[in-house]
Amino acid sequence: MVTKQEEFWEKDNFAVITDGTKPALKWTIDELRKRGKKIHVVDLSDKPAPDTLSDIAHVPKDTRNVIIGVTKTEPARIIEQLASRGITHFWVHWKTDTCDVEHLTGDPKLEIITGRCSMMYLGKGASIHGFHRFIARSLGKY
């Protein structure tokens, strides 16, 4: 049986919102690109990377799935802004969810995954992510 976390990564169209504070988001971007996914990166850091968007308002309207990994901005405000534009599928990276995000998880119109590292699902083979995946499965937290 496929979990909702695994199903999230089967989609083809993503935006990744980062502020550069979570290294796993760079690996997530790289892995999604390797898989040929359509991806838009919003870099909210003080020095946005080249070829990235610098404002959430610039996320294309056809985006359907958003990965958020920020610590300098309240992720719930990002969800609210994008949800007002019709985006309903969100992944809030492990250790970046907040009480405000948890309140939004109760909204039946939104699908918000929290408390999970994206690379636990995207990482392949013998790596720290594979070990993390093994431990999570062993503890029933996958």
C-alpha atoms as a PDB file:
ATOM      1  CA  MET A   1       0.000   0.000   0.000  1.00  0.00           C
ATOM      2  CA  VAL A   2       1.334   3.410  -0.998  1.00  0.00           C
ATOM      3  CA  THR A   3       1.480   5.988   1.787  1.00  0.00           C
ATOM      4  CA  LYS A   4       0.301   9.568   1.278  1.00  0.00           C
ATOM      5  CA  GLN A   5       3.952  10.600   1.592  1.00  0.00           C
ATOM      6  CA  GLU A   6       5.007   8.265  -1.233  1.00  0.00           C
ATOM      7  CA  GLU A   7       2.037   9.373  -3.322  1.00  0.00           C
ATOM      8  CA  PHE A   8       3.063  13.031  -2.922  1.00  0.00           C
ATOM      9  CA  TRP A   9       6.350  12.371  -4.761  1.00  0.00           C
ATOM     10  CA  GLU A  10       4.594  10.646  -7.669  1.00  0.00           C
ATOM     11  CA  LYS A  11       3.247  14.021  -8.797  1.00  0.00           C
ATOM     12  CA  ASP A  12       4.933  15.878 -11.667  1.00  0.00           C
ATOM     13  CA  ASN A  13       4.625  19.552 -10.774  1.00  0.00           C
ATOM     14  CA  PHE A  14       6.326  21.116  -7.719  1.00  0.00           C
ATOM     15  CA  ALA A  15       7.420  24.348  -6.124  1.00  0.00           C
ATOM     16  CA  VAL A  16      10.107  24.255  -3.460  1.00  0.00           C
ATOM     17  CA  ILE A  17      10.188  27.131  -0.992  1.00  0.00           C
ATOM     18  CA  THR A  18      13.553  27.456   0.765  1.00  0.00           C
ATOM     19  CA  ASP A  19      15.544  29.999   2.700  1.00  0.00           C
ATOM     20  CA  GLY A  20      18.755  28.003   2.551  1.00  0.00           C
ATOM     21  CA  THR A  21      18.599  26.841   6.177  1.00  0.00           C
ATOM     22  CA  LYS A  22      17.676  23.191   5.462  1.00  0.00           C
ATOM     23  CA  PRO A  23      20.298  21.335   3.356  1.00  0.00           C
ATOM     24  CA  ALA A  24      17.846  18.540   2.526  1.00  0.00           C
ATOM     25  CA  LEU A  25      15.884  20.987   0.383  1.00  0.00           C
ATOM     26  CA  LYS A  26      18.814  21.345  -2.037  1.00  0.00           C
ATOM     27  CA  TRP A  27      19.033  17.548  -2.257  1.00  0.00           C
ATOM     28  CA  THR A  28      15.261  17.424  -2.787  1.00  0.00           C
ATOM     29  CA  ILE A  29      15.524  19.907  -5.660  1.00  0.00           C
ATOM     30  CA  ASP A  30      18.367  17.907  -7.217  1.00  0.00           C
ATOM     31  CA  GLU A  31      16.482  14.610  -6.893  1.00  0.00           C
ATOM     32  CA  LEU A  32      13.263  16.023  -8.371  1.00  0.00           C
ATOM     33  CA  ARG A  33      15.238  17.384 -11.325  1.00  0.00           C
ATOM     34  CA  LYS A  34      16.928  13.986 -11.836  1.00  0.00           C
ATOM     35  CA  ARG A  35      13.464  12.450 -11.998  1.00  0.00           C
ATOM     36  CA  GLY A  36      12.381  14.923 -14.688  1.00  0.00           C
ATOM     37  CA  LYS A  37       9.798  16.705 -12.550  1.00  0.00           C
ATOM     38  CA  LYS A  38       8.639  20.235 -13.364  1.00  0.00           C
ATOM     39  CA  ILE A  39      10.008  22.324 -10.505  1.00  0.00           C
ATOM     40  CA  HIS A  40      10.009  25.986  -9.505  1.00  0.00           C
ATOM     41  CA  VAL A  41      12.325  27.055  -6.706  1.00  0.00           C
ATOM     42  CA  VAL A  42      11.559  30.058  -4.529  1.00  0.00           C
ATOM     43  CA  ASP A  43      14.658  31.140  -2.623  1.00  0.00           C
ATOM     44  CA  LEU A  44      13.758  33.434   0.269  1.00  0.00           C
ATOM     45  CA  SER A  45      17.359  33.683   1.506  1.00  0.00           C
ATOM     46  CA  ASP A  46      19.282  36.939   1.694  1.00  0.00           C
ATOM     47  CA  LYS A  47      21.191  35.887  -1.443  1.00  0.00           C
ATOM     48  CA  PRO A  48      18.823  33.963  -3.734  1.00  0.00           C
ATOM     49  CA  ALA A  49      20.475  31.442  -6.028  1.00  0.00           C
ATOM     50  CA  PRO A  50      20.523  32.216  -9.764  1.00  0.00           C
ATOM     51  CA  ASP A  51      17.556  30.921 -11.754  1.00  0.00           C
ATOM     52  CA  THR A  52      15.231  30.928  -8.728  1.00  0.00           C
ATOM     53  CA  LEU A  53      12.166  32.964  -7.904  1.00  0.00           C
ATOM     54  CA  SER A  54      12.534  35.391  -5.012  1.00  0.00           C
ATOM     55  CA  ASP A  55       8.880  35.876  -4.102  1.00  0.00           C
ATOM     56  CA  ILE A  56       6.104  33.405  -3.328  1.00  0.00           C
ATOM     57  CA  ALA A  57       3.769  35.509  -5.464  1.00  0.00           C
ATOM     58  CA  HIS A  58       5.765  34.394  -8.519  1.00  0.00           C
ATOM     59  CA  VAL A  59       4.954  30.699  -8.105  1.00  0.00           C
ATOM     60  CA  PRO A  60       3.227  29.786 -11.386  1.00  0.00           C
ATOM     61  CA  LYS A  61      -0.527  29.321 -11.229  1.00  0.00           C
ATOM     62  CA  ASP A  62      -0.323  25.764 -12.570  1.00  0.00           C
ATOM     63  CA  THR A  63       1.756  24.580  -9.572  1.00  0.00           C
ATOM     64  CA  ARG A  64      -0.055  21.892  -7.599  1.00  0.00           C
ATOM     65  CA  ASN A  65       2.407  20.624  -4.965  1.00  0.00           C
ATOM     66  CA  VAL A  66       4.638  22.662  -2.682  1.00  0.00           C
ATOM     67  CA  ILE A  67       7.537  21.622  -0.473  1.00  0.00           C
ATOM     68  CA  ILE A  68       8.316  24.162   2.250  1.00  0.00           C
ATOM     69  CA  GLY A  69      11.542  24.163   4.251  1.00  0.00           C
ATOM     70  CA  VAL A  70      12.011  27.536   5.889  1.00  0.00           C
ATOM     71  CA  THR A  71      13.016  28.631   9.361  1.00  0.00           C
ATOM     72  CA  LYS A  72      13.187  32.411   8.919  1.00  0.00           C
ATOM     73  CA  THR A  73       9.552  32.776   7.830  1.00  0.00           C
ATOM     74  CA  GLU A  74       6.372  31.292   9.299  1.00  0.00           C
ATOM     75  CA  PRO A  75       5.509  28.442   6.896  1.00  0.00           C
ATOM     76  CA  ALA A  76       1.798  28.721   7.716  1.00  0.00           C
ATOM     77  CA  ARG A  77       1.702  32.170   6.088  1.00  0.00           C
ATOM     78  CA  ILE A  78       3.217  30.662   2.941  1.00  0.00           C
ATOM     79  CA  ILE A  79       0.575  27.922   2.931  1.00  0.00           C
ATOM     80  CA  GLU A  80      -2.213  30.458   3.396  1.00  0.00           C
ATOM     81  CA  GLN A  81      -0.923  32.648   0.568  1.00  0.00           C
ATOM     82  CA  LEU A  82      -0.591  29.746  -1.859  1.00  0.00           C
ATOM     83  CA  ALA A  83      -3.866  28.117  -0.764  1.00  0.00           C
ATOM     84  CA  SER A  84      -5.674  31.375  -1.614  1.00  0.00           C
ATOM     85  CA  ARG A  85      -4.438  30.751  -5.187  1.00  0.00           C
ATOM     86  CA  GLY A  86      -5.837  27.216  -5.279  1.00  0.00           C
ATOM     87  CA  ILE A  87      -2.764  25.183  -4.307  1.00  0.00           C
ATOM     88  CA  THR A  88      -3.809  22.482  -1.856  1.00  0.00           C
ATOM     89  CA  HIS A  89      -0.956  19.954  -1.523  1.00  0.00           C
ATOM     90  CA  PHE A  90       1.882  20.859   0.847  1.00  0.00           C
ATOM     91  CA  TRP A  91       4.868  19.115   2.374  1.00  0.00           C
ATOM     92  CA  VAL A  92       6.333  21.016   5.325  1.00  0.00           C
ATOM     93  CA  HIS A  93       9.831  19.698   5.854  1.00  0.00           C
ATOM     94  CA  TRP A  94      10.788  17.922   9.069  1.00  0.00           C
ATOM     95  CA  LYS A  95      11.575  20.298  11.932  1.00  0.00           C
ATOM     96  CA  THR A  96      10.168  23.319  10.106  1.00  0.00           C
ATOM     97  CA  ASP A  97       6.503  22.823  10.979  1.00  0.00           C
ATOM     98  CA  THR A  98       5.020  25.127  13.595  1.00  0.00           C
ATOM     99  CA  CYS A  99       1.901  25.326  15.745  1.00  0.00           C
ATOM    100  CA  ASP A 100       0.305  27.534  13.081  1.00  0.00           C
ATOM    101  CA  VAL A 101       1.002  24.865  10.443  1.00  0.00           C
ATOM    102  CA  GLU A 102      -0.502  22.191  12.704  1.00  0.00           C
ATOM    103  CA  HIS A 103      -3.678  24.284  12.985  1.00  0.00           C
ATOM    104  CA  LEU A 104      -3.919  24.403   9.195  1.00  0.00           C
ATOM    105  CA  THR A 105      -3.715  20.594   8.960  1.00  0.00           C
ATOM    106  CA  GLY A 106      -7.293  20.539  10.226  1.00  0.00           C
ATOM    107  CA  ASP A 107      -8.559  22.312   7.100  1.00  0.00           C
ATOM    108  CA  PRO A 108     -10.288  19.620   4.998  1.00  0.00           C
ATOM    109  CA  LYS A 109      -9.499  21.547   1.789  1.00  0.00           C
ATOM    110  CA  LEU A 110      -5.748  21.260   2.373  1.00  0.00           C
ATOM    111  CA  GLU A 111      -3.460  18.252   2.307  1.00  0.00           C
ATOM    112  CA  ILE A 112      -0.473  19.061   4.494  1.00  0.00           C
ATOM    113  CA  ILE A 113       2.234  16.539   5.302  1.00  0.00           C
ATOM    114  CA  THR A 114       4.409  17.455   8.291  1.00  0.00           C
ATOM    115  CA  GLY A 115       7.143  15.915  10.367  1.00  0.00           C
ATOM    116  CA  ARG A 116       8.846  14.069   7.520  1.00  0.00           C
ATOM    117  CA  CYS A 117      12.169  14.557   5.734  1.00  0.00           C
ATOM    118  CA  SER A 118      11.684  14.614   1.974  1.00  0.00           C
ATOM    119  CA  MET A 119      14.924  12.738   1.356  1.00  0.00           C
ATOM    120  CA  MET A 120      13.704   9.802   3.418  1.00  0.00           C
ATOM    121  CA  TYR A 121      11.297   9.216   0.508  1.00  0.00           C
ATOM    122  CA  LEU A 122      13.437  10.482  -2.385  1.00  0.00           C
ATOM    123  CA  GLY A 123      16.850   9.151  -1.343  1.00  0.00           C
ATOM    124  CA  LYS A 124      18.026   5.935  -2.937  1.00  0.00           C
ATOM    125  CA  GLY A 125      20.390   3.151  -1.950  1.00  0.00           C
ATOM    126  CA  ALA A 126      22.913   2.987   0.847  1.00  0.00           C
ATOM    127  CA  SER A 127      23.037   6.502   2.232  1.00  0.00           C
ATOM    128  CA  ILE A 128      22.162   8.351   5.400  1.00  0.00           C
ATOM    129  CA  HIS A 129      18.678   8.757   3.921  1.00  0.00           C
ATOM    130  CA  GLY A 130      18.356   5.006   3.354  1.00  0.00           C
ATOM    131  CA  PHE A 131      19.390   4.398   6.958  1.00  0.00           C
ATOM    132  CA  HIS A 132      16.875   7.032   8.111  1.00  0.00           C
ATOM    133  CA  ARG A 133      14.176   5.309   6.039  1.00  0.00           C
ATOM    134  CA  PHE A 134      15.082   1.920   7.570  1.00  0.00           C
ATOM    135  CA  ILE A 135      14.848   3.297  11.126  1.00  0.00           C
ATOM    136  CA  ALA A 136      11.555   5.091  10.397  1.00  0.00           C
ATOM    137  CA  ARG A 137      10.022   1.928   8.962  1.00  0.00           C
ATOM    138  CA  SER A 138      11.261  -0.101  11.933  1.00  0.00           C
ATOM    139  CA  LEU A 139       9.608   2.328  14.326  1.00  0.00           C
ATOM    140  CA  GLY A 140       6.378   2.603  12.307  1.00  0.00           C
ATOM    141  CA  LYS A 141       7.044   6.248  11.473  1.00  0.00           C
ATOM    142  CA  TYR A 142       7.391   5.960   7.703  1.00  0.00           C
END
